């Protein structure tokens, strides 16, 4: 049995509990309504976005994010920040840089990409994409501020240290800033991080090629072929680099040029040994053989090389036509 004092306390508490309960119901109802409106605006925004009507899409995305209460009921709607940022980004015109209204679009894009990278926590792919686009806004054709991009890329690496693309982005940032040694160090660390990933050797080779370090380029490509010994494209790529060196580097003497052509043929033969209907490889071997023919003064050898090149060119063309016909037939069979 309650004492008189206890009864009085209960009378005071019960109204307070009723007020709290009423407020809770009201807040839940408010958030639910906000969520419904946000979903409606988000759907409208997506429709406009897919039609490339970015101004209208931006307005609808702005309405989507206007009430933060909606995200409590539907956290997946936070992706609206990314699409809002991208809508402004799409409207920005580099050719109009310096005009206040145009520049303001990029400011809004940056802010919403930043918010997306912070608020989208249940969708790692979209969070990564938001940071990638944020980094891109600091590129040379937009804000041209590599210093602002660096901490974002480092954060991307911190969040996902095994994603090699983030390391590549940081290396390219240093390379574009004239810090080639630091870029090379980053790329070599990526090789140590993912030694079985062919893409890391391709990135390293491309870097060395841009730095005009041909021997290092070839070493990286050979390392790529070493971990993919059954991939004809690995050897085909080697052949294309040898051809480019022999054909485009006018500093080479005849002996050096002939050496690179010969190495290119060895590489392309390895590709064709793995895949004998590789018409792209046949096309390059045809070109390399003609370069060999042009470099020799022996008429019989020259005629033999040209005949082999002609046969490869014809076979490559046949295979190319067959490939197109198969693709057309496959599309027709599926109703495409």
C-alpha atoms as a PDB file:
ATOM      1  CA  UNK A   1       0.000   0.000   0.000  1.00  0.00           C
ATOM      2  CA  UNK A   2       1.397   3.362  -1.052  1.00  0.00           C
ATOM      3  CA  UNK A   3       1.944   5.982   1.578  1.00  0.00           C
ATOM      4  CA  UNK A   4       0.459   9.421   1.121  1.00  0.00           C
ATOM      5  CA  UNK A   5       3.867  10.946   0.203  1.00  0.00           C
ATOM      6  CA  UNK A   6       4.500   8.264  -2.366  1.00  0.00           C
ATOM      7  CA  UNK A   7       1.095   8.880  -3.918  1.00  0.00           C
ATOM      8  CA  UNK A   8       1.882  12.580  -4.220  1.00  0.00           C
ATOM      9  CA  UNK A   9       5.234  11.808  -5.928  1.00  0.00           C
ATOM     10  CA  UNK A  10       3.539   9.467  -8.380  1.00  0.00           C
ATOM     11  CA  UNK A  11       1.057  12.194  -9.263  1.00  0.00           C
ATOM     12  CA  UNK A  12       3.947  14.493 -10.082  1.00  0.00           C
ATOM     13  CA  UNK A  13       5.856  11.845 -12.108  1.00  0.00           C
ATOM     14  CA  UNK A  14       2.935  10.528 -14.194  1.00  0.00           C
ATOM     15  CA  UNK A  15       2.255  13.843 -15.992  1.00  0.00           C
ATOM     16  CA  UNK A  16       5.973  14.181 -16.737  1.00  0.00           C
ATOM     17  CA  UNK A  17       6.052  10.680 -18.208  1.00  0.00           C
ATOM     18  CA  UNK A  18       3.001  11.497 -20.272  1.00  0.00           C
ATOM     19  CA  UNK A  19       4.707  14.622 -21.634  1.00  0.00           C
ATOM     20  CA  UNK A  20       7.859  12.646 -22.489  1.00  0.00           C
ATOM     21  CA  UNK A  21       5.781   9.930 -24.184  1.00  0.00           C
ATOM     22  CA  UNK A  22       3.855  12.530 -26.171  1.00  0.00           C
ATOM     23  CA  UNK A  23       7.069  14.217 -27.277  1.00  0.00           C
ATOM     24  CA  UNK A  24       8.583  10.866 -28.272  1.00  0.00           C
ATOM     25  CA  UNK A  25       5.575   9.974 -30.406  1.00  0.00           C
ATOM     26  CA  UNK A  26       5.639  13.444 -31.898  1.00  0.00           C
ATOM     27  CA  UNK A  27       9.347  13.180 -32.742  1.00  0.00           C
ATOM     28  CA  UNK A  28       8.925   9.729 -34.250  1.00  0.00           C
ATOM     29  CA  UNK A  29       6.036  10.973 -36.332  1.00  0.00           C
ATOM     30  CA  UNK A  30       8.002  14.028 -37.401  1.00  0.00           C
ATOM     31  CA  UNK A  31      11.013  11.930 -38.451  1.00  0.00           C
ATOM     32  CA  UNK A  32       8.755   9.511 -40.300  1.00  0.00           C
ATOM     33  CA  UNK A  33       7.115  12.344 -42.210  1.00  0.00           C
ATOM     34  CA  UNK A  34      10.547  13.857 -42.965  1.00  0.00           C
ATOM     35  CA  UNK A  35      11.699  10.487 -44.214  1.00  0.00           C
ATOM     36  CA  UNK A  36       8.702  10.144 -46.536  1.00  0.00           C
ATOM     37  CA  UNK A  37       9.260  13.626 -47.957  1.00  0.00           C
ATOM     38  CA  UNK A  38      12.984  12.984 -48.326  1.00  0.00           C
ATOM     39  CA  UNK A  39      12.304   9.743 -50.210  1.00  0.00           C
ATOM     40  CA  UNK A  40       9.889  11.576 -52.506  1.00  0.00           C
ATOM     41  CA  UNK A  41      12.414  14.330 -53.213  1.00  0.00           C
ATOM     42  CA  UNK A  42      15.225  11.810 -53.660  1.00  0.00           C
ATOM     43  CA  UNK A  43      13.223   9.861 -56.231  1.00  0.00           C
ATOM     44  CA  UNK A  44      12.422  13.058 -58.129  1.00  0.00           C
ATOM     45  CA  UNK A  45      16.078  14.131 -57.965  1.00  0.00           C
ATOM     46  CA  UNK A  46      17.291  10.785 -59.298  1.00  0.00           C
ATOM     47  CA  UNK A  47      14.922  11.042 -62.248  1.00  0.00           C
ATOM     48  CA  UNK A  48      16.234  14.487 -63.130  1.00  0.00           C
ATOM     49  CA  UNK A  49      19.838  13.399 -62.581  1.00  0.00           C
ATOM     50  CA  UNK A  50      19.559  10.468 -64.987  1.00  0.00           C
ATOM     51  CA  UNK A  51      18.200  12.886 -67.598  1.00  0.00           C
ATOM     52  CA  UNK A  52      21.216  15.167 -67.043  1.00  0.00           C
ATOM     53  CA  UNK A  53      18.938  17.951 -65.771  1.00  0.00           C
ATOM     54  CA  UNK A  54      21.443  18.843 -63.092  1.00  0.00           C
ATOM     55  CA  UNK A  55      20.004  22.167 -61.966  1.00  0.00           C
ATOM     56  CA  UNK A  56      16.625  20.603 -61.207  1.00  0.00           C
ATOM     57  CA  UNK A  57      18.310  17.568 -59.670  1.00  0.00           C
ATOM     58  CA  UNK A  58      20.413  19.773 -57.386  1.00  0.00           C
ATOM     59  CA  UNK A  59      17.284  21.546 -56.131  1.00  0.00           C
ATOM     60  CA  UNK A  60      15.547  18.233 -55.404  1.00  0.00           C
ATOM     61  CA  UNK A  61      18.644  16.834 -53.675  1.00  0.00           C
ATOM     62  CA  UNK A  62      18.829  20.002 -51.581  1.00  0.00           C
ATOM     63  CA  UNK A  63      15.252  19.321 -50.470  1.00  0.00           C
ATOM     64  CA  UNK A  64      16.225  15.715 -49.710  1.00  0.00           C
ATOM     65  CA  UNK A  65      18.942  16.721 -47.255  1.00  0.00           C
ATOM     66  CA  UNK A  66      17.073  19.732 -45.846  1.00  0.00           C
ATOM     67  CA  UNK A  67      15.731  17.871 -42.796  1.00  0.00           C
ATOM     68  CA  UNK A  68      18.395  15.827 -41.017  1.00  0.00           C
ATOM     69  CA  UNK A  69      15.652  13.955 -39.149  1.00  0.00           C
ATOM     70  CA  UNK A  70      14.985  11.986 -42.326  1.00  0.00           C
ATOM     71  CA  UNK A  71      18.385  10.320 -42.106  1.00  0.00           C
ATOM     72  CA  UNK A  72      17.605   8.874 -38.691  1.00  0.00           C
ATOM     73  CA  UNK A  73      14.748   6.897 -40.228  1.00  0.00           C
ATOM     74  CA  UNK A  74      16.465   6.286 -43.579  1.00  0.00           C
ATOM     75  CA  UNK A  75      20.275   6.548 -43.288  1.00  0.00           C
ATOM     76  CA  UNK A  76      20.672   5.197 -46.833  1.00  0.00           C
ATOM     77  CA  UNK A  77      19.482   8.587 -48.096  1.00  0.00           C
ATOM     78  CA  UNK A  78      22.826  10.121 -47.124  1.00  0.00           C
ATOM     79  CA  UNK A  79      24.028   9.214 -50.633  1.00  0.00           C
ATOM     80  CA  UNK A  80      22.053  12.302 -51.676  1.00  0.00           C
ATOM     81  CA  UNK A  81      25.052  14.373 -50.552  1.00  0.00           C
ATOM     82  CA  UNK A  82      27.217  12.704 -53.197  1.00  0.00           C
ATOM     83  CA  UNK A  83      24.685  13.196 -55.982  1.00  0.00           C
ATOM     84  CA  UNK A  84      24.089  16.776 -54.920  1.00  0.00           C
ATOM     85  CA  UNK A  85      27.825  17.424 -55.082  1.00  0.00           C
ATOM     86  CA  UNK A  86      28.057  15.743 -58.454  1.00  0.00           C
ATOM     87  CA  UNK A  87      25.114  17.733 -59.816  1.00  0.00           C
ATOM     88  CA  UNK A  88      26.953  20.963 -59.001  1.00  0.00           C
ATOM     89  CA  UNK A  89      30.165  19.446 -60.347  1.00  0.00           C
ATOM     90  CA  UNK A  90      28.464  18.608 -63.638  1.00  0.00           C
ATOM     91  CA  UNK A  91      27.220  22.177 -63.978  1.00  0.00           C
ATOM     92  CA  UNK A  92      30.689  23.654 -63.468  1.00  0.00           C
ATOM     93  CA  UNK A  93      32.466  24.796 -66.630  1.00  0.00           C
ATOM     94  CA  UNK A  94      36.300  25.090 -66.580  1.00  0.00           C
ATOM     95  CA  UNK A  95      36.100  27.490 -69.532  1.00  0.00           C
ATOM     96  CA  UNK A  96      34.105  29.884 -67.330  1.00  0.00           C
ATOM     97  CA  UNK A  97      36.566  29.852 -64.442  1.00  0.00           C
ATOM     98  CA  UNK A  98      36.647  33.197 -62.694  1.00  0.00           C
ATOM     99  CA  UNK A  99      32.944  33.898 -63.080  1.00  0.00           C
ATOM    100  CA  UNK A 100      31.474  33.988 -59.544  1.00  0.00           C
ATOM    101  CA  UNK A 101      28.346  31.948 -60.233  1.00  0.00           C
ATOM    102  CA  UNK A 102      30.327  29.246 -62.027  1.00  0.00           C
ATOM    103  CA  UNK A 103      33.046  29.105 -59.349  1.00  0.00           C
ATOM    104  CA  UNK A 104      30.393  28.865 -56.642  1.00  0.00           C
ATOM    105  CA  UNK A 105      29.173  25.620 -58.218  1.00  0.00           C
ATOM    106  CA  UNK A 106      32.540  24.045 -57.527  1.00  0.00           C
ATOM    107  CA  UNK A 107      32.528  25.312 -53.948  1.00  0.00           C
ATOM    108  CA  UNK A 108      29.147  23.609 -53.440  1.00  0.00           C
ATOM    109  CA  UNK A 109      30.403  20.443 -55.113  1.00  0.00           C
ATOM    110  CA  UNK A 110      33.406  20.282 -52.778  1.00  0.00           C
ATOM    111  CA  UNK A 111      31.284  20.837 -49.679  1.00  0.00           C
ATOM    112  CA  UNK A 112      28.800  18.123 -50.556  1.00  0.00           C
ATOM    113  CA  UNK A 113      31.462  15.618 -51.577  1.00  0.00           C
ATOM    114  CA  UNK A 114      33.080  16.303 -48.205  1.00  0.00           C
ATOM    115  CA  UNK A 115      29.799  15.789 -46.355  1.00  0.00           C
ATOM    116  CA  UNK A 116      29.170  12.598 -48.322  1.00  0.00           C
ATOM    117  CA  UNK A 117      32.599  11.238 -47.364  1.00  0.00           C
ATOM    118  CA  UNK A 118      31.814  11.918 -43.694  1.00  0.00           C
ATOM    119  CA  UNK A 119      28.154  10.920 -43.506  1.00  0.00           C
ATOM    120  CA  UNK A 120      28.024   7.842 -45.768  1.00  0.00           C
ATOM    121  CA  UNK A 121      29.358   5.314 -43.294  1.00  0.00           C
ATOM    122  CA  UNK A 122      27.246   2.254 -44.174  1.00  0.00           C
ATOM    123  CA  UNK A 123      28.219   2.199 -47.863  1.00  0.00           C
ATOM    124  CA  UNK A 124      32.026   1.919 -48.240  1.00  0.00           C
ATOM    125  CA  UNK A 125      31.894   2.016 -52.036  1.00  0.00           C
ATOM    126  CA  UNK A 126      29.995   5.312 -52.088  1.00  0.00           C
ATOM    127  CA  UNK A 127      32.220   6.728 -49.378  1.00  0.00           C
ATOM    128  CA  UNK A 128      35.269   5.826 -51.478  1.00  0.00           C
ATOM    129  CA  UNK A 129      33.648   7.325 -54.586  1.00  0.00           C
ATOM    130  CA  UNK A 130      32.853  10.537 -52.731  1.00  0.00           C
ATOM    131  CA  UNK A 131      36.478  10.955 -51.705  1.00  0.00           C
ATOM    132  CA  UNK A 132      37.690  10.156 -55.224  1.00  0.00           C
ATOM    133  CA  UNK A 133      35.474  12.867 -56.676  1.00  0.00           C
ATOM    134  CA  UNK A 134      36.507  15.252 -53.921  1.00  0.00           C
ATOM    135  CA  UNK A 135      40.148  14.665 -54.855  1.00  0.00           C
ATOM    136  CA  UNK A 136      39.279  15.263 -58.516  1.00  0.00           C
ATOM    137  CA  UNK A 137      37.859  18.695 -57.723  1.00  0.00           C
ATOM    138  CA  UNK A 138      41.321  19.716 -56.557  1.00  0.00           C
ATOM    139  CA  UNK A 139      42.781  18.681 -59.920  1.00  0.00           C
ATOM    140  CA  UNK A 140      44.481  21.022 -62.420  1.00  0.00           C
ATOM    141  CA  UNK A 141      41.336  21.582 -64.501  1.00  0.00           C
ATOM    142  CA  UNK A 142      39.350  22.680 -61.460  1.00  0.00           C
ATOM    143  CA  UNK A 143      40.705  24.063 -58.176  1.00  0.00           C
ATOM    144  CA  UNK A 144      44.309  23.079 -58.943  1.00  0.00           C
ATOM    145  CA  UNK A 145      45.151  22.543 -55.305  1.00  0.00           C
ATOM    146  CA  UNK A 146      47.139  19.303 -54.849  1.00  0.00           C
ATOM    147  CA  UNK A 147      47.944  20.248 -51.269  1.00  0.00           C
ATOM    148  CA  UNK A 148      44.265  20.005 -50.376  1.00  0.00           C
ATOM    149  CA  UNK A 149      43.943  16.652 -52.136  1.00  0.00           C
ATOM    150  CA  UNK A 150      46.824  14.955 -50.295  1.00  0.00           C
ATOM    151  CA  UNK A 151      45.185  14.578 -46.847  1.00  0.00           C
ATOM    152  CA  UNK A 152      42.030  13.209 -48.477  1.00  0.00           C
ATOM    153  CA  UNK A 153      43.981  10.536 -50.331  1.00  0.00           C
ATOM    154  CA  UNK A 154      45.903   9.672 -47.173  1.00  0.00           C
ATOM    155  CA  UNK A 155      42.594   9.278 -45.357  1.00  0.00           C
ATOM    156  CA  UNK A 156      41.411   6.960 -48.152  1.00  0.00           C
ATOM    157  CA  UNK A 157      44.547   4.885 -47.633  1.00  0.00           C
ATOM    158  CA  UNK A 158      43.988   4.856 -43.872  1.00  0.00           C
ATOM    159  CA  UNK A 159      40.399   3.643 -44.321  1.00  0.00           C
ATOM    160  CA  UNK A 160      41.309   1.006 -46.902  1.00  0.00           C
ATOM    161  CA  UNK A 161      45.068   0.364 -46.928  1.00  0.00           C
ATOM    162  CA  UNK A 162      44.759  -2.612 -49.290  1.00  0.00           C
ATOM    163  CA  UNK A 163      43.070  -0.600 -52.070  1.00  0.00           C
ATOM    164  CA  UNK A 164      45.950  -0.062 -54.479  1.00  0.00           C
ATOM    165  CA  UNK A 165      44.070   2.592 -56.455  1.00  0.00           C
ATOM    166  CA  UNK A 166      44.395   4.961 -53.495  1.00  0.00           C
ATOM    167  CA  UNK A 167      48.171   4.509 -53.434  1.00  0.00           C
ATOM    168  CA  UNK A 168      48.282   5.061 -57.203  1.00  0.00           C
ATOM    169  CA  UNK A 169      46.380   8.310 -56.757  1.00  0.00           C
ATOM    170  CA  UNK A 170      48.844   9.528 -54.129  1.00  0.00           C
ATOM    171  CA  UNK A 171      51.808   8.595 -56.332  1.00  0.00           C
ATOM    172  CA  UNK A 172      50.315  10.445 -59.301  1.00  0.00           C
ATOM    173  CA  UNK A 173      49.701  13.477 -57.094  1.00  0.00           C
ATOM    174  CA  UNK A 174      53.397  13.602 -56.192  1.00  0.00           C
ATOM    175  CA  UNK A 175      54.444  12.952 -59.782  1.00  0.00           C
ATOM    176  CA  UNK A 176      52.254  15.781 -61.090  1.00  0.00           C
ATOM    177  CA  UNK A 177      53.748  18.029 -58.408  1.00  0.00           C
ATOM    178  CA  UNK A 178      57.255  17.314 -59.682  1.00  0.00           C
ATOM    179  CA  UNK A 179      58.202  14.965 -56.840  1.00  0.00           C
ATOM    180  CA  UNK A 180      59.083  11.934 -58.957  1.00  0.00           C
ATOM    181  CA  UNK A 181      61.292  10.279 -56.311  1.00  0.00           C
ATOM    182  CA  UNK A 182      58.484  10.279 -53.777  1.00  0.00           C
ATOM    183  CA  UNK A 183      56.058   8.963 -56.397  1.00  0.00           C
ATOM    184  CA  UNK A 184      58.430   6.115 -57.232  1.00  0.00           C
ATOM    185  CA  UNK A 185      58.830   5.243 -53.544  1.00  0.00           C
ATOM    186  CA  UNK A 186      55.058   5.008 -53.139  1.00  0.00           C
ATOM    187  CA  UNK A 187      54.698   2.783 -56.201  1.00  0.00           C
ATOM    188  CA  UNK A 188      57.475   0.474 -55.021  1.00  0.00           C
ATOM    189  CA  UNK A 189      55.759   0.185 -51.641  1.00  0.00           C
ATOM    190  CA  UNK A 190      52.578  -0.820 -53.461  1.00  0.00           C
ATOM    191  CA  UNK A 191      54.513  -3.596 -55.209  1.00  0.00           C
ATOM    192  CA  UNK A 192      55.601  -4.834 -51.775  1.00  0.00           C
ATOM    193  CA  UNK A 193      51.998  -4.525 -50.562  1.00  0.00           C
ATOM    194  CA  UNK A 194      50.433  -6.437 -53.460  1.00  0.00           C
ATOM    195  CA  UNK A 195      53.199  -8.377 -55.269  1.00  0.00           C
ATOM    196  CA  UNK A 196      50.684 -10.652 -56.974  1.00  0.00           C
ATOM    197  CA  UNK A 197      48.603  -7.842 -58.512  1.00  0.00           C
ATOM    198  CA  UNK A 198      49.461  -7.246 -62.198  1.00  0.00           C
ATOM    199  CA  UNK A 199      48.093  -3.701 -62.088  1.00  0.00           C
ATOM    200  CA  UNK A 200      50.842  -2.522 -59.742  1.00  0.00           C
ATOM    201  CA  UNK A 201      53.520  -3.437 -62.281  1.00  0.00           C
ATOM    202  CA  UNK A 202      51.578  -1.751 -65.074  1.00  0.00           C
ATOM    203  CA  UNK A 203      51.330   1.427 -62.998  1.00  0.00           C
ATOM    204  CA  UNK A 204      55.037   1.270 -62.204  1.00  0.00           C
ATOM    205  CA  UNK A 205      55.874   0.713 -65.883  1.00  0.00           C
ATOM    206  CA  UNK A 206      53.679   3.638 -66.965  1.00  0.00           C
ATOM    207  CA  UNK A 207      55.383   5.860 -64.394  1.00  0.00           C
ATOM    208  CA  UNK A 208      58.859   4.896 -65.601  1.00  0.00           C
ATOM    209  CA  UNK A 209      57.779   5.399 -69.202  1.00  0.00           C
ATOM    210  CA  UNK A 210      56.606   8.941 -68.445  1.00  0.00           C
ATOM    211  CA  UNK A 211      59.963   9.550 -66.775  1.00  0.00           C
ATOM    212  CA  UNK A 212      61.727   8.238 -69.909  1.00  0.00           C
ATOM    213  CA  UNK A 213      63.318   5.401 -67.913  1.00  0.00           C
ATOM    214  CA  UNK A 214      62.968   2.651 -70.514  1.00  0.00           C
ATOM    215  CA  UNK A 215      65.021  -0.088 -68.846  1.00  0.00           C
ATOM    216  CA  UNK A 216      63.000   0.252 -65.643  1.00  0.00           C
ATOM    217  CA  UNK A 217      59.804   0.255 -67.698  1.00  0.00           C
ATOM    218  CA  UNK A 218      60.690  -3.058 -69.305  1.00  0.00           C
ATOM    219  CA  UNK A 219      61.752  -4.578 -65.974  1.00  0.00           C
ATOM    220  CA  UNK A 220      58.343  -3.723 -64.511  1.00  0.00           C
ATOM    221  CA  UNK A 221      56.570  -5.218 -67.532  1.00  0.00           C
ATOM    222  CA  UNK A 222      58.675  -8.371 -67.309  1.00  0.00           C
ATOM    223  CA  UNK A 223      57.754  -8.676 -63.634  1.00  0.00           C
ATOM    224  CA  UNK A 224      54.116  -8.415 -64.660  1.00  0.00           C
ATOM    225  CA  UNK A 225      54.611 -11.210 -67.239  1.00  0.00           C
ATOM    226  CA  UNK A 226      56.412 -13.292 -64.611  1.00  0.00           C
ATOM    227  CA  UNK A 227      53.337 -13.393 -62.362  1.00  0.00           C
ATOM    228  CA  UNK A 228      51.018 -13.908 -65.351  1.00  0.00           C
ATOM    229  CA  UNK A 229      52.944 -16.409 -67.483  1.00  0.00           C
ATOM    230  CA  UNK A 230      49.776 -17.667 -69.182  1.00  0.00           C
ATOM    231  CA  UNK A 231      48.394 -14.247 -70.070  1.00  0.00           C
ATOM    232  CA  UNK A 232      49.164 -13.399 -73.718  1.00  0.00           C
ATOM    233  CA  UNK A 233      48.321  -9.732 -73.124  1.00  0.00           C
ATOM    234  CA  UNK A 234      51.308  -9.429 -70.766  1.00  0.00           C
ATOM    235  CA  UNK A 235      53.707 -10.323 -73.589  1.00  0.00           C
ATOM    236  CA  UNK A 236      51.728  -8.327 -76.148  1.00  0.00           C
ATOM    237  CA  UNK A 237      52.113  -5.237 -73.951  1.00  0.00           C
ATOM    238  CA  UNK A 238      55.864  -5.807 -73.791  1.00  0.00           C
ATOM    239  CA  UNK A 239      55.960  -5.962 -77.591  1.00  0.00           C
ATOM    240  CA  UNK A 240      54.075  -2.652 -77.928  1.00  0.00           C
ATOM    241  CA  UNK A 241      56.596  -0.903 -75.678  1.00  0.00           C
ATOM    242  CA  UNK A 242      59.518  -2.290 -77.690  1.00  0.00           C
ATOM    243  CA  UNK A 243      57.846  -1.168 -80.921  1.00  0.00           C
ATOM    244  CA  UNK A 244      57.180   2.325 -79.547  1.00  0.00           C
ATOM    245  CA  UNK A 245      60.788   2.662 -78.416  1.00  0.00           C
ATOM    246  CA  UNK A 246      62.177   1.505 -81.768  1.00  0.00           C
ATOM    247  CA  UNK A 247      59.758   3.584 -83.840  1.00  0.00           C
ATOM    248  CA  UNK A 248      59.592   6.846 -81.890  1.00  0.00           C
ATOM    249  CA  UNK A 249      62.998   7.325 -80.267  1.00  0.00           C
ATOM    250  CA  UNK A 250      65.031   9.056 -82.962  1.00  0.00           C
ATOM    251  CA  UNK A 251      68.090   9.122 -80.703  1.00  0.00           C
ATOM    252  CA  UNK A 252      68.651   5.398 -81.304  1.00  0.00           C
ATOM    253  CA  UNK A 253      71.295   4.224 -83.734  1.00  0.00           C
ATOM    254  CA  UNK A 254      70.493   1.435 -86.220  1.00  0.00           C
ATOM    255  CA  UNK A 255      71.916  -1.298 -84.015  1.00  0.00           C
ATOM    256  CA  UNK A 256      69.922  -0.191 -80.972  1.00  0.00           C
ATOM    257  CA  UNK A 257      66.749   0.091 -83.020  1.00  0.00           C
ATOM    258  CA  UNK A 258      67.269  -3.390 -84.483  1.00  0.00           C
ATOM    259  CA  UNK A 259      67.778  -4.788 -80.975  1.00  0.00           C
ATOM    260  CA  UNK A 260      64.473  -3.389 -79.720  1.00  0.00           C
ATOM    261  CA  UNK A 261      62.630  -4.636 -82.817  1.00  0.00           C
ATOM    262  CA  UNK A 262      64.054  -8.132 -82.261  1.00  0.00           C
ATOM    263  CA  UNK A 263      63.012  -8.106 -78.583  1.00  0.00           C
ATOM    264  CA  UNK A 264      59.550  -6.961 -79.627  1.00  0.00           C
ATOM    265  CA  UNK A 265      59.242  -9.929 -81.978  1.00  0.00           C
ATOM    266  CA  UNK A 266      60.326 -12.330 -79.216  1.00  0.00           C
ATOM    267  CA  UNK A 267      57.657 -10.904 -76.919  1.00  0.00           C
ATOM    268  CA  UNK A 268      54.902 -10.990 -79.523  1.00  0.00           C
ATOM    269  CA  UNK A 269      55.822 -14.574 -80.421  1.00  0.00           C
ATOM    270  CA  UNK A 270      55.323 -15.498 -76.769  1.00  0.00           C
ATOM    271  CA  UNK A 271      51.867 -13.950 -76.890  1.00  0.00           C
ATOM    272  CA  UNK A 272      50.983 -15.873 -80.051  1.00  0.00           C
ATOM    273  CA  UNK A 273      52.319 -19.109 -78.592  1.00  0.00           C
ATOM    274  CA  UNK A 274      49.734 -18.780 -75.821  1.00  0.00           C
ATOM    275  CA  UNK A 275      46.923 -17.495 -78.058  1.00  0.00           C
ATOM    276  CA  UNK A 276      47.392 -18.330 -81.726  1.00  0.00           C
ATOM    277  CA  UNK A 277      44.359 -16.311 -82.870  1.00  0.00           C
ATOM    278  CA  UNK A 278      45.459 -13.101 -81.122  1.00  0.00           C
ATOM    279  CA  UNK A 279      44.925 -10.743 -84.043  1.00  0.00           C
ATOM    280  CA  UNK A 280      46.204  -7.648 -82.229  1.00  0.00           C
ATOM    281  CA  UNK A 281      49.515  -9.428 -81.627  1.00  0.00           C
ATOM    282  CA  UNK A 282      49.640 -10.481 -85.270  1.00  0.00           C
ATOM    283  CA  UNK A 283      49.189  -6.870 -86.321  1.00  0.00           C
ATOM    284  CA  UNK A 284      52.146  -5.760 -84.196  1.00  0.00           C
ATOM    285  CA  UNK A 285      54.337  -8.620 -85.396  1.00  0.00           C
ATOM    286  CA  UNK A 286      53.488  -7.586 -88.960  1.00  0.00           C
ATOM    287  CA  UNK A 287      54.710  -4.056 -88.210  1.00  0.00           C
ATOM    288  CA  UNK A 288      57.856  -5.244 -86.439  1.00  0.00           C
ATOM    289  CA  UNK A 289      58.732  -7.572 -89.302  1.00  0.00           C
ATOM    290  CA  UNK A 290      58.421  -4.725 -91.787  1.00  0.00           C
ATOM    291  CA  UNK A 291      60.770  -2.664 -89.628  1.00  0.00           C
ATOM    292  CA  UNK A 292      63.230  -5.543 -89.744  1.00  0.00           C
ATOM    293  CA  UNK A 293      62.844  -5.759 -93.510  1.00  0.00           C
ATOM    294  CA  UNK A 294      63.525  -2.048 -93.930  1.00  0.00           C
ATOM    295  CA  UNK A 295      66.692  -2.359 -91.877  1.00  0.00           C
ATOM    296  CA  UNK A 296      68.241  -5.184 -93.940  1.00  0.00           C
ATOM    297  CA  UNK A 297      70.082  -4.870 -97.242  1.00  0.00           C
ATOM    298  CA  UNK A 298      69.798  -8.554 -98.095  1.00  0.00           C
ATOM    299  CA  UNK A 299      67.067  -8.851-100.756  1.00  0.00           C
ATOM    300  CA  UNK A 300      66.182 -12.465-100.021  1.00  0.00           C
ATOM    301  CA  UNK A 301      65.867 -11.809 -96.281  1.00  0.00           C
ATOM    302  CA  UNK A 302      63.835  -8.695 -96.956  1.00  0.00           C
ATOM    303  CA  UNK A 303      61.425 -10.525 -99.259  1.00  0.00           C
ATOM    304  CA  UNK A 304      60.985 -13.325 -96.732  1.00  0.00           C
ATOM    305  CA  UNK A 305      60.218 -10.892 -93.899  1.00  0.00           C
ATOM    306  CA  UNK A 306      57.706  -8.950 -96.007  1.00  0.00           C
ATOM    307  CA  UNK A 307      55.988 -12.148 -97.130  1.00  0.00           C
ATOM    308  CA  UNK A 308      55.628 -13.259 -93.503  1.00  0.00           C
ATOM    309  CA  UNK A 309      54.331  -9.803 -92.564  1.00  0.00           C
ATOM    310  CA  UNK A 310      51.773  -9.888 -95.407  1.00  0.00           C
ATOM    311  CA  UNK A 311      50.509 -13.291 -94.309  1.00  0.00           C
ATOM    312  CA  UNK A 312      50.145 -12.113 -90.702  1.00  0.00           C
ATOM    313  CA  UNK A 313      48.302  -8.972 -91.788  1.00  0.00           C
ATOM    314  CA  UNK A 314      45.839 -10.978 -93.878  1.00  0.00           C
ATOM    315  CA  UNK A 315      45.264 -13.487 -91.086  1.00  0.00           C
ATOM    316  CA  UNK A 316      44.765 -10.704 -88.549  1.00  0.00           C
ATOM    317  CA  UNK A 317      42.150  -9.089 -90.787  1.00  0.00           C
ATOM    318  CA  UNK A 318      40.345 -12.423 -91.214  1.00  0.00           C
ATOM    319  CA  UNK A 319      40.258 -12.985 -87.465  1.00  0.00           C
ATOM    320  CA  UNK A 320      39.036  -9.450 -86.875  1.00  0.00           C
ATOM    321  CA  UNK A 321      36.145  -9.943 -89.322  1.00  0.00           C
ATOM    322  CA  UNK A 322      35.278 -13.305 -87.733  1.00  0.00           C
ATOM    323  CA  UNK A 323      35.250 -11.676 -84.304  1.00  0.00           C
ATOM    324  CA  UNK A 324      32.835  -8.983 -85.479  1.00  0.00           C
ATOM    325  CA  UNK A 325      30.573 -11.570 -87.121  1.00  0.00           C
ATOM    326  CA  UNK A 326      30.459 -13.639 -83.927  1.00  0.00           C
ATOM    327  CA  UNK A 327      29.581 -10.563 -81.896  1.00  0.00           C
ATOM    328  CA  UNK A 328      26.767  -9.648 -84.304  1.00  0.00           C
ATOM    329  CA  UNK A 329      25.437 -13.220 -84.268  1.00  0.00           C
ATOM    330  CA  UNK A 330      25.553 -13.324 -80.460  1.00  0.00           C
ATOM    331  CA  UNK A 331      23.684 -10.036 -80.219  1.00  0.00           C
ATOM    332  CA  UNK A 332      21.067 -11.269 -82.680  1.00  0.00           C
ATOM    333  CA  UNK A 333      20.553 -14.527 -80.766  1.00  0.00           C
ATOM    334  CA  UNK A 334      19.853 -12.626 -77.556  1.00  0.00           C
ATOM    335  CA  UNK A 335      17.650 -10.057 -79.250  1.00  0.00           C
ATOM    336  CA  UNK A 336      20.198  -7.283 -78.600  1.00  0.00           C
END
